[in-house]
């Protein structure tokens, strides 16, 4: 199940530029983020819940890869969710480079922006079949219960948002932080798959027996657990 979600391959392929946008809206208990359900009929990541996004296309404007990715994120959000955004509304959240063992590889900028509570969403009904606004903590719990399938980048992003909490200062904290970059080292461990990130004691070697700081996602039967040691541990 975990391998089918991620379409693993023994042959390394080049990473294509892509972009994703995290829409954040206020709610009575903090914030909610928009997740979209990909059609079960798609060959790539069928049935998974994702943030709006997709590949950077030739027509996406901007000087350099970053600005073109911002344009792509705004375009994809409109195409997949019916939410019109200007690219200059989008701030960088993180950057993910797909592991070399995955068949379809992307170099993806994740962006974020705040939208009003009454933001209307209209999915296309073909590539995207459903949408739902989630509090980050509730989406994480639903994934752990097996009810909300997603990939590690989506889960890690939800954890980061949940850790921030949300107050009048949270948006400023998010804007001030340096967007983290992720290039996972993927290790197969029996039925599990372990995605090691920079800062994990095993990141450089892949030796899972080592004791020390953890920064990883562990997947088993399509459910992922994000583990990150506190500073100094």
C-alpha atoms as a PDB file:
ATOM      1  CA  UNK A   1       0.000   0.000   0.000  1.00  0.00           C
ATOM      2  CA  UNK A   2       2.738   2.483   0.937  1.00  0.00           C
ATOM      3  CA  UNK A   3       4.730   1.671  -2.194  1.00  0.00           C
ATOM      4  CA  UNK A   4       1.689   1.927  -4.478  1.00  0.00           C
ATOM      5  CA  UNK A   5       0.876   5.370  -3.075  1.00  0.00           C
ATOM      6  CA  UNK A   6       4.364   6.589  -3.956  1.00  0.00           C
ATOM      7  CA  UNK A   7       4.989   4.627  -7.193  1.00  0.00           C
ATOM      8  CA  UNK A   8       8.514   3.461  -6.441  1.00  0.00           C
ATOM      9  CA  UNK A   9      11.005   2.697  -9.186  1.00  0.00           C
ATOM     10  CA  UNK A  10      14.497   1.233  -9.450  1.00  0.00           C
ATOM     11  CA  UNK A  11      15.410   3.748 -12.170  1.00  0.00           C
ATOM     12  CA  UNK A  12      16.282   7.348 -11.324  1.00  0.00           C
ATOM     13  CA  UNK A  13      14.397  10.043 -13.243  1.00  0.00           C
ATOM     14  CA  UNK A  14      14.787  13.815 -13.440  1.00  0.00           C
ATOM     15  CA  UNK A  15      12.665  15.992 -11.158  1.00  0.00           C
ATOM     16  CA  UNK A  16      10.131  18.276 -12.844  1.00  0.00           C
ATOM     17  CA  UNK A  17       9.383  21.714 -11.379  1.00  0.00           C
ATOM     18  CA  UNK A  18       6.031  21.887  -9.596  1.00  0.00           C
ATOM     19  CA  UNK A  19       4.123  24.084  -7.171  1.00  0.00           C
ATOM     20  CA  UNK A  20       1.555  23.695  -4.400  1.00  0.00           C
ATOM     21  CA  UNK A  21      -0.447  26.231  -2.410  1.00  0.00           C
ATOM     22  CA  UNK A  22      -1.751  25.882   1.144  1.00  0.00           C
ATOM     23  CA  UNK A  23      -4.923  27.924   1.587  1.00  0.00           C
ATOM     24  CA  UNK A  24      -5.429  28.968   5.209  1.00  0.00           C
ATOM     25  CA  UNK A  25      -8.709  30.406   6.470  1.00  0.00           C
ATOM     26  CA  UNK A  26      -9.804  31.474   9.966  1.00  0.00           C
ATOM     27  CA  UNK A  27     -12.123  29.256  11.960  1.00  0.00           C
ATOM     28  CA  UNK A  28     -13.673  29.305  15.399  1.00  0.00           C
ATOM     29  CA  UNK A  29     -10.835  27.188  16.797  1.00  0.00           C
ATOM     30  CA  UNK A  30      -7.774  28.501  14.990  1.00  0.00           C
ATOM     31  CA  UNK A  31      -7.427  27.915  11.264  1.00  0.00           C
ATOM     32  CA  UNK A  32      -8.430  25.442   8.595  1.00  0.00           C
ATOM     33  CA  UNK A  33      -6.618  24.405   5.431  1.00  0.00           C
ATOM     34  CA  UNK A  34      -8.088  23.247   2.142  1.00  0.00           C
ATOM     35  CA  UNK A  35      -7.505  19.668   1.008  1.00  0.00           C
ATOM     36  CA  UNK A  36      -8.651  18.253  -2.331  1.00  0.00           C
ATOM     37  CA  UNK A  37      -9.344  14.615  -3.178  1.00  0.00           C
ATOM     38  CA  UNK A  38      -7.760  13.307  -6.362  1.00  0.00           C
ATOM     39  CA  UNK A  39      -9.923  11.093  -8.552  1.00  0.00           C
ATOM     40  CA  UNK A  40      -9.662   7.346  -8.010  1.00  0.00           C
ATOM     41  CA  UNK A  41      -9.348   7.027 -11.807  1.00  0.00           C
ATOM     42  CA  UNK A  42      -6.032   8.890 -12.000  1.00  0.00           C
ATOM     43  CA  UNK A  43      -2.839   6.910 -12.566  1.00  0.00           C
ATOM     44  CA  UNK A  44      -0.751   9.185 -10.337  1.00  0.00           C
ATOM     45  CA  UNK A  45      -1.695   9.298  -6.634  1.00  0.00           C
ATOM     46  CA  UNK A  46      -5.325   8.142  -7.109  1.00  0.00           C
ATOM     47  CA  UNK A  47      -7.669   8.918  -4.234  1.00  0.00           C
ATOM     48  CA  UNK A  48      -5.131  10.889  -2.207  1.00  0.00           C
ATOM     49  CA  UNK A  49      -5.923  14.149  -0.427  1.00  0.00           C
ATOM     50  CA  UNK A  50      -3.631  16.979  -1.475  1.00  0.00           C
ATOM     51  CA  UNK A  51      -3.218  20.729  -1.452  1.00  0.00           C
ATOM     52  CA  UNK A  52      -4.025  22.423  -4.790  1.00  0.00           C
ATOM     53  CA  UNK A  53      -1.042  22.222  -7.116  1.00  0.00           C
ATOM     54  CA  UNK A  54       0.644  20.696 -10.119  1.00  0.00           C
ATOM     55  CA  UNK A  55       3.475  20.928 -12.618  1.00  0.00           C
ATOM     56  CA  UNK A  56       4.968  24.227 -13.753  1.00  0.00           C
ATOM     57  CA  UNK A  57       3.897  24.727 -17.372  1.00  0.00           C
ATOM     58  CA  UNK A  58       5.596  26.573 -20.227  1.00  0.00           C
ATOM     59  CA  UNK A  59       3.034  29.382 -20.054  1.00  0.00           C
ATOM     60  CA  UNK A  60       3.618  30.162 -16.363  1.00  0.00           C
ATOM     61  CA  UNK A  61       5.194  33.608 -16.203  1.00  0.00           C
ATOM     62  CA  UNK A  62       7.998  34.964 -14.051  1.00  0.00           C
ATOM     63  CA  UNK A  63      11.734  35.472 -13.937  1.00  0.00           C
ATOM     64  CA  UNK A  64      13.445  32.373 -12.623  1.00  0.00           C
ATOM     65  CA  UNK A  65      12.154  29.075 -11.270  1.00  0.00           C
ATOM     66  CA  UNK A  66      10.736  30.539  -8.049  1.00  0.00           C
ATOM     67  CA  UNK A  67       8.517  33.155  -9.720  1.00  0.00           C
ATOM     68  CA  UNK A  68       7.344  30.677 -12.344  1.00  0.00           C
ATOM     69  CA  UNK A  69       6.444  28.268  -9.548  1.00  0.00           C
ATOM     70  CA  UNK A  70       4.401  31.008  -7.836  1.00  0.00           C
ATOM     71  CA  UNK A  71       2.520  31.615 -11.076  1.00  0.00           C
ATOM     72  CA  UNK A  72       1.909  27.883 -11.442  1.00  0.00           C
ATOM     73  CA  UNK A  73       0.581  27.614  -7.883  1.00  0.00           C
ATOM     74  CA  UNK A  74      -1.934  30.411  -8.497  1.00  0.00           C
ATOM     75  CA  UNK A  75      -3.026  28.890 -11.818  1.00  0.00           C
ATOM     76  CA  UNK A  76      -3.435  25.387 -10.389  1.00  0.00           C
ATOM     77  CA  UNK A  77      -5.452  26.688  -7.441  1.00  0.00           C
ATOM     78  CA  UNK A  78      -7.893  28.313  -9.843  1.00  0.00           C
ATOM     79  CA  UNK A  79      -8.070  25.244 -12.095  1.00  0.00           C
ATOM     80  CA  UNK A  80      -8.470  22.654  -9.337  1.00  0.00           C
ATOM     81  CA  UNK A  81     -10.408  24.556  -6.668  1.00  0.00           C
ATOM     82  CA  UNK A  82     -11.941  27.539  -8.460  1.00  0.00           C
ATOM     83  CA  UNK A  83     -10.125  29.967  -6.141  1.00  0.00           C
ATOM     84  CA  UNK A  84      -8.553  32.903  -7.982  1.00  0.00           C
ATOM     85  CA  UNK A  85      -5.302  34.196  -6.495  1.00  0.00           C
ATOM     86  CA  UNK A  86      -2.624  36.622  -7.580  1.00  0.00           C
ATOM     87  CA  UNK A  87       0.827  35.085  -7.523  1.00  0.00           C
ATOM     88  CA  UNK A  88       2.130  37.946  -5.369  1.00  0.00           C
ATOM     89  CA  UNK A  89      -0.275  36.814  -2.623  1.00  0.00           C
ATOM     90  CA  UNK A  90       1.713  33.590  -2.188  1.00  0.00           C
ATOM     91  CA  UNK A  91       4.563  33.289   0.321  1.00  0.00           C
ATOM     92  CA  UNK A  92       7.043  30.382   0.371  1.00  0.00           C
ATOM     93  CA  UNK A  93       6.325  27.649   2.915  1.00  0.00           C
ATOM     94  CA  UNK A  94       8.798  24.858   2.033  1.00  0.00           C
ATOM     95  CA  UNK A  95      10.551  23.131  -0.845  1.00  0.00           C
ATOM     96  CA  UNK A  96      10.472  19.386  -1.499  1.00  0.00           C
ATOM     97  CA  UNK A  97      12.643  17.355  -3.850  1.00  0.00           C
ATOM     98  CA  UNK A  98      11.157  13.911  -4.461  1.00  0.00           C
ATOM     99  CA  UNK A  99      13.410  10.984  -3.437  1.00  0.00           C
ATOM    100  CA  UNK A 100      15.324   9.307  -6.252  1.00  0.00           C
ATOM    101  CA  UNK A 101      13.516   5.984  -5.637  1.00  0.00           C
ATOM    102  CA  UNK A 102      10.120   7.450  -6.593  1.00  0.00           C
ATOM    103  CA  UNK A 103       8.965   6.996 -10.197  1.00  0.00           C
ATOM    104  CA  UNK A 104       7.532  10.482 -10.767  1.00  0.00           C
ATOM    105  CA  UNK A 105       9.861  13.061  -9.299  1.00  0.00           C
ATOM    106  CA  UNK A 106       9.169  16.736  -8.685  1.00  0.00           C
ATOM    107  CA  UNK A 107      11.011  19.735  -7.317  1.00  0.00           C
ATOM    108  CA  UNK A 108       8.074  21.410  -5.609  1.00  0.00           C
ATOM    109  CA  UNK A 109       7.713  24.806  -4.021  1.00  0.00           C
ATOM    110  CA  UNK A 110       4.988  24.861  -1.355  1.00  0.00           C
ATOM    111  CA  UNK A 111       3.389  28.290  -0.911  1.00  0.00           C
ATOM    112  CA  UNK A 112       0.803  29.565   1.544  1.00  0.00           C
ATOM    113  CA  UNK A 113      -1.704  32.383   1.727  1.00  0.00           C
ATOM    114  CA  UNK A 114      -4.612  33.403   3.926  1.00  0.00           C
ATOM    115  CA  UNK A 115      -8.110  33.580   2.445  1.00  0.00           C
ATOM    116  CA  UNK A 116     -11.455  34.768   3.885  1.00  0.00           C
ATOM    117  CA  UNK A 117     -13.737  32.408   5.793  1.00  0.00           C
ATOM    118  CA  UNK A 118     -16.378  32.581   3.045  1.00  0.00           C
ATOM    119  CA  UNK A 119     -13.993  31.586   0.236  1.00  0.00           C
ATOM    120  CA  UNK A 120     -15.977  29.485  -2.239  1.00  0.00           C
ATOM    121  CA  UNK A 121     -14.447  26.296  -3.631  1.00  0.00           C
ATOM    122  CA  UNK A 122     -15.532  24.636  -6.880  1.00  0.00           C
ATOM    123  CA  UNK A 123     -13.705  21.459  -7.913  1.00  0.00           C
ATOM    124  CA  UNK A 124     -13.662  20.299 -11.527  1.00  0.00           C
ATOM    125  CA  UNK A 125     -15.302  16.931 -10.815  1.00  0.00           C
ATOM    126  CA  UNK A 126     -12.852  15.030 -12.989  1.00  0.00           C
ATOM    127  CA  UNK A 127      -9.266  15.250 -11.717  1.00  0.00           C
ATOM    128  CA  UNK A 128     -10.513  16.550  -8.346  1.00  0.00           C
ATOM    129  CA  UNK A 129     -13.684  14.957  -6.992  1.00  0.00           C
ATOM    130  CA  UNK A 130     -14.116  16.461  -3.509  1.00  0.00           C
ATOM    131  CA  UNK A 131     -12.819  19.106  -1.137  1.00  0.00           C
ATOM    132  CA  UNK A 132     -12.870  19.747   2.587  1.00  0.00           C
ATOM    133  CA  UNK A 133     -11.532  22.350   5.005  1.00  0.00           C
ATOM    134  CA  UNK A 134      -9.638  20.774   7.883  1.00  0.00           C
ATOM    135  CA  UNK A 135      -8.045  21.932  11.077  1.00  0.00           C
ATOM    136  CA  UNK A 136      -4.470  20.621  10.783  1.00  0.00           C
ATOM    137  CA  UNK A 137      -4.727  18.494  13.932  1.00  0.00           C
ATOM    138  CA  UNK A 138      -7.982  16.896  12.757  1.00  0.00           C
ATOM    139  CA  UNK A 139      -6.557  16.100   9.326  1.00  0.00           C
ATOM    140  CA  UNK A 140      -3.539  14.446  10.958  1.00  0.00           C
ATOM    141  CA  UNK A 141      -5.813  12.358  13.194  1.00  0.00           C
ATOM    142  CA  UNK A 142      -7.976  11.333  10.226  1.00  0.00           C
ATOM    143  CA  UNK A 143      -4.889  10.219   8.320  1.00  0.00           C
ATOM    144  CA  UNK A 144      -3.635   8.171  11.269  1.00  0.00           C
ATOM    145  CA  UNK A 145      -7.075   6.522  11.465  1.00  0.00           C
ATOM    146  CA  UNK A 146      -6.726   5.487   7.816  1.00  0.00           C
ATOM    147  CA  UNK A 147      -9.514   7.792   6.631  1.00  0.00           C
ATOM    148  CA  UNK A 148      -7.500  10.490   4.846  1.00  0.00           C
ATOM    149  CA  UNK A 149      -4.763   9.072   2.591  1.00  0.00           C
ATOM    150  CA  UNK A 150      -1.948  11.500   1.804  1.00  0.00           C
ATOM    151  CA  UNK A 151       1.766  11.659   1.039  1.00  0.00           C
ATOM    152  CA  UNK A 152       4.531  12.614   3.505  1.00  0.00           C
ATOM    153  CA  UNK A 153       4.926  16.236   2.255  1.00  0.00           C
ATOM    154  CA  UNK A 154       1.242  16.919   2.957  1.00  0.00           C
ATOM    155  CA  UNK A 155       1.438  15.314   6.397  1.00  0.00           C
ATOM    156  CA  UNK A 156       4.635  17.142   7.362  1.00  0.00           C
ATOM    157  CA  UNK A 157       3.130  20.466   6.240  1.00  0.00           C
ATOM    158  CA  UNK A 158       0.067  19.841   8.416  1.00  0.00           C
ATOM    159  CA  UNK A 159       2.318  19.083  11.387  1.00  0.00           C
ATOM    160  CA  UNK A 160       4.226  22.329  10.839  1.00  0.00           C
ATOM    161  CA  UNK A 161       1.009  24.332  10.732  1.00  0.00           C
ATOM    162  CA  UNK A 162      -0.334  22.543  13.798  1.00  0.00           C
ATOM    163  CA  UNK A 163       2.878  23.279  15.718  1.00  0.00           C
ATOM    164  CA  UNK A 164       2.604  26.971  14.875  1.00  0.00           C
ATOM    165  CA  UNK A 165      -0.865  27.193  16.321  1.00  0.00           C
ATOM    166  CA  UNK A 166      -2.545  30.341  15.122  1.00  0.00           C
ATOM    167  CA  UNK A 167      -2.736  33.779  16.675  1.00  0.00           C
ATOM    168  CA  UNK A 168      -2.164  37.341  15.562  1.00  0.00           C
ATOM    169  CA  UNK A 169       1.565  36.567  15.585  1.00  0.00           C
ATOM    170  CA  UNK A 170       1.483  33.223  13.781  1.00  0.00           C
ATOM    171  CA  UNK A 171       1.357  34.659  10.268  1.00  0.00           C
ATOM    172  CA  UNK A 172       4.303  36.923  11.062  1.00  0.00           C
ATOM    173  CA  UNK A 173       6.223  33.942  12.454  1.00  0.00           C
ATOM    174  CA  UNK A 174       5.511  32.007   9.269  1.00  0.00           C
ATOM    175  CA  UNK A 175       6.626  34.894   7.077  1.00  0.00           C
ATOM    176  CA  UNK A 176       9.819  35.389   9.100  1.00  0.00           C
ATOM    177  CA  UNK A 177      10.985  31.777   9.118  1.00  0.00           C
ATOM    178  CA  UNK A 178      13.341  30.393   6.483  1.00  0.00           C
ATOM    179  CA  UNK A 179      11.363  27.918   4.351  1.00  0.00           C
ATOM    180  CA  UNK A 180      12.777  24.441   5.070  1.00  0.00           C
ATOM    181  CA  UNK A 181      14.045  22.259   2.231  1.00  0.00           C
ATOM    182  CA  UNK A 182      13.404  18.528   2.177  1.00  0.00           C
ATOM    183  CA  UNK A 183      15.304  15.938   0.127  1.00  0.00           C
ATOM    184  CA  UNK A 184      14.328  12.638   1.758  1.00  0.00           C
ATOM    185  CA  UNK A 185      16.621   9.643   1.991  1.00  0.00           C
ATOM    186  CA  UNK A 186      14.205   6.710   1.701  1.00  0.00           C
ATOM    187  CA  UNK A 187      15.022   3.439   3.455  1.00  0.00           C
ATOM    188  CA  UNK A 188      12.958   0.257   3.137  1.00  0.00           C
ATOM    189  CA  UNK A 189      12.655  -1.501   6.481  1.00  0.00           C
ATOM    190  CA  UNK A 190      10.661  -4.728   6.103  1.00  0.00           C
ATOM    191  CA  UNK A 191       7.066  -3.605   5.456  1.00  0.00           C
ATOM    192  CA  UNK A 192       7.822  -0.021   6.439  1.00  0.00           C
ATOM    193  CA  UNK A 193       9.283   2.843   4.470  1.00  0.00           C
ATOM    194  CA  UNK A 194      11.284   5.450   6.345  1.00  0.00           C
ATOM    195  CA  UNK A 195      11.759   8.936   4.906  1.00  0.00           C
ATOM    196  CA  UNK A 196      14.789  10.517   6.553  1.00  0.00           C
ATOM    197  CA  UNK A 197      15.184  14.304   6.513  1.00  0.00           C
ATOM    198  CA  UNK A 198      18.163  16.536   7.145  1.00  0.00           C
ATOM    199  CA  UNK A 199      18.871  16.660  10.874  1.00  0.00           C
ATOM    200  CA  UNK A 200      17.986  13.007  11.469  1.00  0.00           C
ATOM    201  CA  UNK A 201      20.797  10.965  13.012  1.00  0.00           C
ATOM    202  CA  UNK A 202      20.434   8.423  10.185  1.00  0.00           C
ATOM    203  CA  UNK A 203      20.023  10.863   7.283  1.00  0.00           C
ATOM    204  CA  UNK A 204      23.549  10.559   5.864  1.00  0.00           C
ATOM    205  CA  UNK A 205      24.053   6.830   6.386  1.00  0.00           C
ATOM    206  CA  UNK A 206      20.573   5.309   6.247  1.00  0.00           C
ATOM    207  CA  UNK A 207      21.471   3.231   9.316  1.00  0.00           C
ATOM    208  CA  UNK A 208      18.191   3.026  11.239  1.00  0.00           C
ATOM    209  CA  UNK A 209      19.861   1.359  14.233  1.00  0.00           C
ATOM    210  CA  UNK A 210      21.604   4.583  15.240  1.00  0.00           C
ATOM    211  CA  UNK A 211      20.378   6.353  18.369  1.00  0.00           C
ATOM    212  CA  UNK A 212      19.949  10.106  18.378  1.00  0.00           C
ATOM    213  CA  UNK A 213      17.947  12.972  16.951  1.00  0.00           C
ATOM    214  CA  UNK A 214      15.040  12.026  14.733  1.00  0.00           C
ATOM    215  CA  UNK A 215      13.527  13.875  11.804  1.00  0.00           C
ATOM    216  CA  UNK A 216      11.667  11.359   9.697  1.00  0.00           C
ATOM    217  CA  UNK A 217       8.366  10.013   8.414  1.00  0.00           C
ATOM    218  CA  UNK A 218       7.613   6.310   8.828  1.00  0.00           C
ATOM    219  CA  UNK A 219       5.067   4.702   6.512  1.00  0.00           C
ATOM    220  CA  UNK A 220       3.302   1.388   7.036  1.00  0.00           C
ATOM    221  CA  UNK A 221       0.358   0.193   4.913  1.00  0.00           C
ATOM    222  CA  UNK A 222      -0.297   3.678   3.553  1.00  0.00           C
ATOM    223  CA  UNK A 223      -0.331   5.468   6.921  1.00  0.00           C
ATOM    224  CA  UNK A 224       2.547   7.774   7.814  1.00  0.00           C
ATOM    225  CA  UNK A 225       3.844   8.955  11.178  1.00  0.00           C
ATOM    226  CA  UNK A 226       5.961  12.113  11.396  1.00  0.00           C
ATOM    227  CA  UNK A 227       8.691  12.033  14.042  1.00  0.00           C
ATOM    228  CA  UNK A 228      10.789  15.035  14.997  1.00  0.00           C
ATOM    229  CA  UNK A 229      12.919  15.316  18.127  1.00  0.00           C
ATOM    230  CA  UNK A 230      12.700  18.479  20.168  1.00  0.00           C
ATOM    231  CA  UNK A 231      15.717  20.771  20.084  1.00  0.00           C
ATOM    232  CA  UNK A 232      18.507  19.374  22.220  1.00  0.00           C
ATOM    233  CA  UNK A 233      17.140  15.805  22.165  1.00  0.00           C
END
